[in-house]
Each structure stands twice: as structure tokens, then as C-alpha cells.
Amino acid sequence: MSSVALDAPSHVDEPGLAAGYAEVFSRVATNGQPVIVRRAGEDLAAVVPLQYLELVQDAVARQKAERISVHDFE
């Protein structure tokens, strides 16, 4: 498994127009830094680089496999 340092996310207020979302997506893709989108001052969603998503998917798959293997031995 490769080791990836996770960058701290930046925060932006929810864009009102589609062009604002395109800017957020471009920033994430270019800088590799996640962005938390806020609405009315509350965190709403995270936009993360694809490598982060792949790490989360791998971690979830490992947890499921561990749960299955533990269950098989009970």
C-alpha cells in the first residue's frame, strides 16, 4: 500500500453559479488539496482529489474483508 500525506482542506462558501463549482473542481485537481464547501456557514460537502477517494475505497474494502474474516472464525 502506498503512503499518501493528506492535505488539510481549505473552505469555500457554496458557489452560486456553475462557474464557481468549476473553479473549485479545478483548484482541487490542480493543487491536490481537498475543499470543504459551506452553505450558510455550515460545512456541506467535500470535494477531494480522486486519489483520496481511492484511498477511502481501499480502506472500506479492507474493513469489509476484516469483518468477513472475523465473522468466519466465530
Foldseek 3Di string as FASTA:
>chain_A
DDDDDADAAAEDEDDPDPVVVVVQQVCCAVVQHKYFYDYPNHGDDIDGPVVVVVVVVVVVVVVVVVVVVVVVVD
